[in-house]
């Protein structure tokens, strides 16, 4: 028998793929999502359909069984719905919770800050409380490379301090890590945070660069290239992310046996608390990324060079030594291969 796992954000990009992976290996999964309208809901409905959930059958708060996977059910719930979340976890007695739902997006946080407080702070607190009161064996949650903010040491290491975020989104993710540590310390709840680095691939988010660039190039519209193209990102293919997430779920966080109060390592703790980077550990120049899209589309982009945007950082690069040490794993999908797979999915989904 597999585990019983709650996966939040299963109408979202990473949550959808993680749920599929867990189902395919035989786990019992309950998916949860608010199905908000932050971006094109057709993509969210398509993801749900691919796990056997017809959007016409969805009713808020009701469990909908999958027509494709006998070990899967979906519940539409908001993270802010504290009582419903507590009831769900109390009744299902999950072995693990994989919390991937959140209000995403750096630039959106500049104009809609309260959405991040509701979903990423209040919502995360509700997840922690639900896990605590139902004795969940392991909480794995999504953090972000954005927490590194103004850090300039490359590659980014989880052993570096991250006290200078440059967006409210990043601040909310750093807050999640601190909140998780408090619950690990106070209640012995094993928590593991995963700092994702620019995830891309089929069924990706429409607000991300790969989606935006592909759509614009196919339409013959110019693309905005920020920081005049002098950006680098550690693009990480979705299958690599999912493999890392599943491996982490299977290994609950443990206390550091050699912890010392004199240590200045921010991820060392006497509590069952861990943090890992998951990235390709191979930063790519933005112009090279665009070139890979052009090659996959067999069409050249019209480029509109722009200054760097508020909340953006010029480069990201993941140090994944801890991930390799503890799980004998690191992402490795080449960019050209991953971009090609995304383009094939995009053209099939939109019929272009």
Protein backbone atom coordinates (compact mmCIF):
# COMPACT_ATOMS: atom_id res chain seq x y z
CA UNK A 1 0.00 0.00 0.00
CA UNK A 2 1.22 3.49 -0.81
CA UNK A 3 1.00 6.58 1.34
CA UNK A 4 -2.02 8.83 1.74
CA UNK A 5 -0.89 12.30 0.67
CA UNK A 6 -2.57 15.68 0.45
CA UNK A 7 -1.21 17.71 -2.47
CA UNK A 8 -2.28 21.34 -2.56
CA UNK A 9 -2.23 23.28 -5.81
CA UNK A 10 -3.19 20.37 -8.06
CA UNK A 11 -4.84 22.66 -10.62
CA UNK A 12 -1.48 24.45 -10.68
CA UNK A 13 1.67 23.67 -12.60
CA UNK A 14 3.91 21.81 -10.15
CA UNK A 15 1.10 20.37 -8.03
CA UNK A 16 -0.53 18.79 -11.09
CA UNK A 17 2.68 17.02 -12.08
CA UNK A 18 3.48 15.91 -8.53
CA UNK A 19 -0.01 14.43 -8.12
CA UNK A 20 0.38 12.45 -11.35
CA UNK A 21 3.74 11.07 -10.23
CA UNK A 22 2.38 9.97 -6.86
CA UNK A 23 -0.69 8.40 -8.44
CA UNK A 24 1.36 6.52 -10.99
CA UNK A 25 3.43 4.90 -8.26
CA UNK A 26 0.33 3.85 -6.29
CA UNK A 27 -0.12 6.45 -3.56
CA UNK A 28 -3.57 7.58 -2.47
CA UNK A 29 -3.82 11.28 -3.23
CA UNK A 30 -6.29 14.02 -2.42
CA UNK A 31 -5.75 17.15 -4.46
CA UNK A 32 -6.75 20.61 -3.30
CA UNK A 33 -6.96 23.89 -5.18
CA UNK A 34 -8.98 27.10 -5.09
CA UNK A 35 -8.95 27.34 -8.92
CA UNK A 36 -8.57 31.12 -8.79
CA UNK A 37 -8.37 33.32 -11.87
CA UNK A 38 -4.81 34.58 -11.47
CA UNK A 39 -4.16 33.27 -14.99
CA UNK A 40 -6.04 31.53 -17.84
CA UNK A 41 -8.33 29.02 -16.10
CA UNK A 42 -8.49 26.92 -19.27
CA UNK A 43 -5.00 25.68 -18.41
CA UNK A 44 -6.12 24.83 -14.87
CA UNK A 45 -9.20 23.04 -16.15
CA UNK A 46 -7.01 21.11 -18.58
CA UNK A 47 -4.72 19.96 -15.81
CA UNK A 48 -7.72 18.83 -13.76
CA UNK A 49 -9.11 16.95 -16.75
CA UNK A 50 -5.84 15.09 -17.12
CA UNK A 51 -6.25 13.75 -13.60
CA UNK A 52 -9.84 12.70 -14.29
CA UNK A 53 -11.59 15.73 -12.76
CA UNK A 54 -14.31 17.38 -14.86
CA UNK A 55 -14.62 21.04 -13.91
CA UNK A 56 -18.40 20.82 -14.40
CA UNK A 57 -18.55 18.36 -11.48
CA UNK A 58 -16.55 20.51 -9.07
CA UNK A 59 -18.46 21.98 -6.13
CA UNK A 60 -16.70 24.02 -3.48
CA UNK A 61 -15.85 21.88 -0.46
CA UNK A 62 -17.03 18.61 -2.02
CA UNK A 63 -14.76 15.65 -2.74
CA UNK A 64 -14.83 14.72 -6.44
CA UNK A 65 -13.56 11.24 -7.36
CA UNK A 66 -11.34 10.91 -10.40
CA UNK A 67 -12.60 9.10 -13.48
CA UNK A 68 -9.03 8.07 -14.37
CA UNK A 69 -7.39 7.20 -11.05
CA UNK A 70 -9.28 5.15 -8.44
CA UNK A 71 -6.88 6.39 -5.76
CA UNK A 72 -7.47 10.10 -6.44
CA UNK A 73 -10.05 12.68 -5.38
CA UNK A 74 -10.11 16.46 -5.70
CA UNK A 75 -11.48 19.15 -3.37
CA UNK A 76 -11.88 22.80 -4.27
CA UNK A 77 -10.88 24.76 -1.16
CA UNK A 78 -9.23 28.04 -0.37
CA UNK A 79 -6.19 27.93 1.87
CA UNK A 80 -7.84 30.67 3.92
CA UNK A 81 -10.75 28.32 4.76
CA UNK A 82 -9.27 27.27 8.09
CA UNK A 83 -12.11 25.16 9.46
CA UNK A 84 -12.62 23.19 6.24
CA UNK A 85 -8.90 22.49 6.00
CA UNK A 86 -8.77 21.30 9.60
CA UNK A 87 -11.74 18.99 9.00
CA UNK A 88 -10.19 17.55 5.85
CA UNK A 89 -6.89 16.70 7.52
CA UNK A 90 -8.58 15.38 10.66
CA UNK A 91 -10.81 13.03 8.70
CA UNK A 92 -8.24 11.77 6.18
CA UNK A 93 -5.22 11.27 8.49
CA UNK A 94 -2.62 11.99 5.84
CA UNK A 95 0.81 10.42 6.04
CA UNK A 96 2.25 13.50 4.37
CA UNK A 97 1.19 16.89 3.04
CA UNK A 98 2.84 18.36 -0.04
CA UNK A 99 1.94 22.03 0.01
CA UNK A 100 2.44 23.58 -3.43
CA UNK A 101 -0.51 26.00 -3.54
CA UNK A 102 0.33 29.69 -3.20
CA UNK A 103 -0.19 33.07 -4.73
CA UNK A 104 2.66 33.06 -7.23
CA UNK A 105 4.38 35.79 -9.21
CA UNK A 106 6.90 38.46 -8.32
CA UNK A 107 5.49 41.33 -10.39
CA UNK A 108 1.89 40.64 -9.39
CA UNK A 109 2.92 41.15 -5.76
CA UNK A 110 3.79 44.77 -6.55
CA UNK A 111 0.17 45.61 -7.38
CA UNK A 112 -1.79 43.01 -5.39
CA UNK A 113 0.09 42.63 -2.10
CA UNK A 114 -2.88 41.55 0.00
CA UNK A 115 -3.32 38.39 -2.09
CA UNK A 116 0.06 37.21 -0.81
CA UNK A 117 -0.80 37.82 2.81
CA UNK A 118 -4.05 35.87 2.47
CA UNK A 119 -2.75 32.85 0.55
CA UNK A 120 0.92 32.67 1.49
CA UNK A 121 0.81 33.74 5.13
CA UNK A 122 -2.70 33.05 6.46
CA UNK A 123 -3.02 30.04 4.16
CA UNK A 124 0.33 28.58 5.20
CA UNK A 125 -0.51 29.04 8.87
CA UNK A 126 -3.72 27.08 8.28
CA UNK A 127 -1.71 24.29 6.64
CA UNK A 128 0.67 24.18 9.61
CA UNK A 129 -2.21 24.07 12.08
CA UNK A 130 -3.98 21.32 10.13
CA UNK A 131 -0.79 19.24 10.01
CA UNK A 132 -0.14 19.79 13.70
CA UNK A 133 -3.61 18.82 14.89
CA UNK A 134 -3.88 15.74 12.66
CA UNK A 135 -0.36 14.44 13.37
CA UNK A 136 0.83 14.55 9.76
CA UNK A 137 4.11 12.67 9.40
CA UNK A 138 5.84 15.14 7.06
CA UNK A 139 5.04 18.55 5.60
CA UNK A 140 6.87 19.35 2.36
CA UNK A 141 6.26 22.86 1.07
CA UNK A 142 7.29 25.09 -1.81
CA UNK A 143 9.66 27.92 -1.11
CA UNK A 144 11.41 29.83 -3.89
CA UNK A 145 14.78 30.95 -5.20
CA UNK A 146 13.39 34.48 -4.86
CA UNK A 147 14.23 34.39 -1.14
CA UNK A 148 17.89 35.02 -2.05
CA UNK A 149 16.98 38.60 -3.02
CA UNK A 150 20.04 40.84 -2.92
CA UNK A 151 22.44 37.96 -2.24
CA UNK A 152 25.37 38.21 -4.62
CA UNK A 153 27.38 35.09 -3.73
CA UNK A 154 26.96 32.52 -6.49
CA UNK A 155 25.77 29.83 -6.56
CA UNK A 156 22.99 30.46 -4.03
CA UNK A 157 23.38 28.16 -1.03
CA UNK A 158 20.81 27.26 1.62
CA UNK A 159 23.59 27.92 4.12
CA UNK A 160 23.61 31.62 3.20
CA UNK A 161 21.49 34.14 5.09
CA UNK A 162 18.50 35.39 3.10
CA UNK A 163 17.51 38.58 4.87
CA UNK A 164 17.16 40.99 1.94
CA UNK A 165 14.14 40.03 -0.23
CA UNK A 166 13.28 42.38 -3.09
CA UNK A 167 9.58 41.52 -3.46
CA UNK A 168 6.68 40.79 -1.13
CA UNK A 169 6.37 37.37 -2.80
CA UNK A 170 9.95 36.58 -1.74
CA UNK A 171 9.28 37.90 1.76
CA UNK A 172 6.20 35.66 2.06
CA UNK A 173 8.28 32.61 1.12
CA UNK A 174 11.00 33.48 3.64
CA UNK A 175 8.23 33.91 6.22
CA UNK A 176 6.95 30.41 5.38
CA UNK A 177 10.37 28.96 6.15
CA UNK A 178 10.46 30.72 9.52
CA UNK A 179 6.90 29.67 10.35
CA UNK A 180 7.72 26.06 9.46
CA UNK A 181 10.75 26.11 11.76
CA UNK A 182 8.62 27.39 14.64
CA UNK A 183 6.17 24.50 14.22
CA UNK A 184 8.98 21.96 13.84
CA UNK A 185 10.50 23.27 17.08
CA UNK A 186 7.30 23.64 19.10
CA UNK A 187 5.38 20.57 17.99
CA UNK A 188 7.95 18.20 16.45
CA UNK A 189 6.30 18.50 13.03
CA UNK A 190 8.84 17.40 10.39
CA UNK A 191 8.96 20.12 7.72
CA UNK A 192 11.02 20.37 4.55
CA UNK A 193 11.09 23.51 2.40
CA UNK A 194 12.10 23.34 -1.25
CA UNK A 195 13.49 26.42 -2.97
CA UNK A 196 12.48 25.99 -6.61
CA UNK A 197 14.50 27.67 -9.36
CA UNK A 198 12.53 28.92 -12.43
CA UNK A 199 10.49 25.81 -13.18
CA UNK A 200 9.35 25.28 -16.78
CA UNK A 201 7.83 22.58 -18.99
CA UNK A 202 4.51 21.28 -20.37
CA UNK A 203 1.41 22.67 -18.61
CA UNK A 204 3.53 25.58 -17.36
CA UNK A 205 2.15 28.84 -15.99
CA UNK A 206 0.95 31.41 -18.55
CA UNK A 207 2.54 34.24 -16.53
CA UNK A 208 6.05 32.79 -16.92
CA UNK A 209 8.56 33.91 -19.53
CA UNK A 210 8.56 30.70 -21.58
CA UNK A 211 4.78 30.82 -22.03
CA UNK A 212 4.73 34.57 -22.74
CA UNK A 213 7.62 34.40 -25.23
CA UNK A 214 6.19 31.39 -27.08
CA UNK A 215 2.78 33.00 -27.46
CA UNK A 216 4.25 36.31 -28.67
CA UNK A 217 6.69 34.77 -31.14
CA UNK A 218 3.97 32.64 -32.71
CA UNK A 219 1.75 35.73 -33.00
CA UNK A 220 4.51 37.83 -34.52
CA UNK A 221 4.45 40.22 -31.56
CA UNK A 222 7.60 41.64 -29.92
CA UNK A 223 8.79 40.25 -26.60
CA UNK A 224 10.02 42.41 -23.73
CA UNK A 225 13.60 41.45 -22.85
CA UNK A 226 14.30 42.90 -19.41
CA UNK A 227 17.64 44.16 -18.14
CA UNK A 228 18.54 44.46 -21.83
CA UNK A 229 19.01 40.71 -21.94
CA UNK A 230 21.62 40.68 -19.17
CA UNK A 231 19.68 38.21 -17.04
CA UNK A 232 20.58 34.67 -16.05
CA UNK A 233 18.19 32.06 -14.71
CA UNK A 234 18.69 28.53 -13.42
CA UNK A 235 15.88 27.06 -15.53
CA UNK A 236 14.74 23.71 -14.10
CA UNK A 237 12.59 21.24 -16.04
CA UNK A 238 9.37 20.13 -14.38
CA UNK A 239 10.18 16.39 -14.38
CA UNK A 240 13.39 17.11 -12.46
CA UNK A 241 11.47 19.15 -9.91
CA UNK A 242 8.88 16.41 -9.45
CA UNK A 243 11.50 13.71 -8.94
CA UNK A 244 13.11 15.83 -6.24
CA UNK A 245 9.79 16.57 -4.53
CA UNK A 246 8.77 12.90 -4.40
CA UNK A 247 12.13 11.83 -3.01
CA UNK A 248 11.86 14.45 -0.29
CA UNK A 249 8.29 13.42 0.62
CA UNK A 250 9.54 9.90 1.28
CA UNK A 251 12.18 11.05 3.76
CA UNK A 252 10.79 13.09 6.67
CA UNK A 253 13.02 15.84 7.96
CA UNK A 254 15.21 15.05 10.95
CA UNK A 255 16.98 17.21 13.51
CA UNK A 256 20.65 17.99 12.96
CA UNK A 257 22.46 15.84 15.51
CA UNK A 258 25.48 18.13 15.63
CA UNK A 259 23.54 21.38 16.07
CA UNK A 260 25.12 24.09 18.18
CA UNK A 261 23.66 27.38 19.36
CA UNK A 262 26.93 28.98 18.29
CA UNK A 263 26.46 27.89 14.69
CA UNK A 264 25.71 30.61 12.15
CA UNK A 265 24.24 28.11 9.67
CA UNK A 266 20.59 29.22 9.11
CA UNK A 267 19.43 25.74 8.09
CA UNK A 268 20.97 23.83 10.98
CA UNK A 269 18.46 23.18 13.74
CA UNK A 270 17.71 20.88 16.68
CA UNK A 271 14.18 20.66 15.23
CA UNK A 272 13.11 18.27 12.43
CA UNK A 273 13.49 21.02 9.85
CA UNK A 274 15.25 21.04 6.47
CA UNK A 275 15.66 23.30 3.43
CA UNK A 276 16.92 22.37 -0.04
CA UNK A 277 17.51 24.09 -3.33
CA UNK A 278 16.12 22.30 -6.39
CA UNK A 279 17.64 23.78 -9.52
CA UNK A 280 19.52 22.72 -12.61
CA UNK A 281 22.70 24.31 -11.19
CA UNK A 282 23.47 25.63 -14.66
CA UNK A 283 22.41 29.26 -15.17
CA UNK A 284 21.40 30.27 -18.70
CA UNK A 285 21.57 33.72 -20.26
CA UNK A 286 18.16 35.10 -21.15
CA UNK A 287 19.15 35.60 -24.79
CA UNK A 288 20.26 31.95 -24.99
CA UNK A 289 16.92 30.93 -23.51
CA UNK A 290 15.11 32.96 -26.17
CA UNK A 291 17.30 31.37 -28.84
CA UNK A 292 16.23 27.90 -27.65
CA UNK A 293 12.57 28.93 -28.03
CA UNK A 294 13.23 30.35 -31.50
CA UNK A 295 14.89 27.11 -32.53
CA UNK A 296 12.00 24.99 -31.24
CA UNK A 297 9.48 27.23 -33.03
CA UNK A 298 11.60 27.70 -36.17
CA UNK A 299 10.76 31.39 -35.90
CA UNK A 300 12.76 34.44 -34.84
CA UNK A 301 11.61 36.70 -32.01
CA UNK A 302 11.17 40.45 -32.30
CA UNK A 303 12.94 41.79 -29.22
CA UNK A 304 12.07 44.90 -27.24
CA UNK A 305 14.97 45.55 -24.85
CA UNK A 306 13.89 46.97 -21.49
CA UNK A 307 15.47 47.94 -18.14
CA UNK A 308 15.30 45.53 -15.21
CA UNK A 309 11.89 45.40 -13.51
CA UNK A 310 11.27 46.13 -9.80
CA UNK A 311 11.41 42.89 -7.81
CA UNK A 312 13.65 41.12 -10.35
CA UNK A 313 17.16 39.90 -9.61
CA UNK A 314 19.79 39.78 -12.37
CA UNK A 315 20.81 36.15 -11.85
CA UNK A 316 19.93 32.89 -10.07
CA UNK A 317 22.08 29.79 -9.66
CA UNK A 318 21.33 26.88 -7.35
CA UNK A 319 23.86 25.13 -5.15
CA UNK A 320 22.37 21.63 -4.91
CA UNK A 321 25.14 19.94 -2.92
CA UNK A 322 22.81 19.20 -0.01
CA UNK A 323 20.23 17.64 -2.32
CA UNK A 324 22.92 15.42 -3.86
CA UNK A 325 24.30 14.48 -0.43
CA UNK A 326 20.96 13.54 1.13
CA UNK A 327 19.07 12.14 -1.87
CA UNK A 328 21.75 11.20 -4.42
CA UNK A 329 19.91 13.36 -6.91
CA UNK A 330 20.21 16.57 -8.88
CA UNK A 331 18.22 17.96 -11.85
CA UNK A 332 19.86 17.41 -15.23
CA UNK A 333 17.44 17.92 -18.17
CA UNK A 334 19.14 20.05 -20.89
CA UNK A 335 17.41 23.34 -21.65
CA UNK A 336 16.96 22.65 -25.35
CA UNK A 337 15.23 19.35 -24.62
CA UNK A 338 12.90 20.86 -22.03
CA UNK A 339 11.98 23.85 -24.18
CA UNK A 340 11.23 21.57 -27.14
CA UNK A 341 8.83 19.51 -25.01
CA UNK A 342 7.08 22.65 -23.79
CA UNK A 343 6.64 23.99 -27.33
CA UNK A 344 5.19 20.67 -28.49
CA UNK A 345 2.71 20.75 -25.62
CA UNK A 346 1.81 24.41 -26.23
CA UNK A 347 1.14 23.90 -29.93
CA UNK A 348 -0.98 20.84 -29.18
CA UNK A 349 -2.98 22.50 -26.40
CA UNK A 350 -3.73 25.67 -28.36
CA UNK A 351 -3.83 24.07 -31.79
CA UNK A 352 -1.24 26.40 -33.33
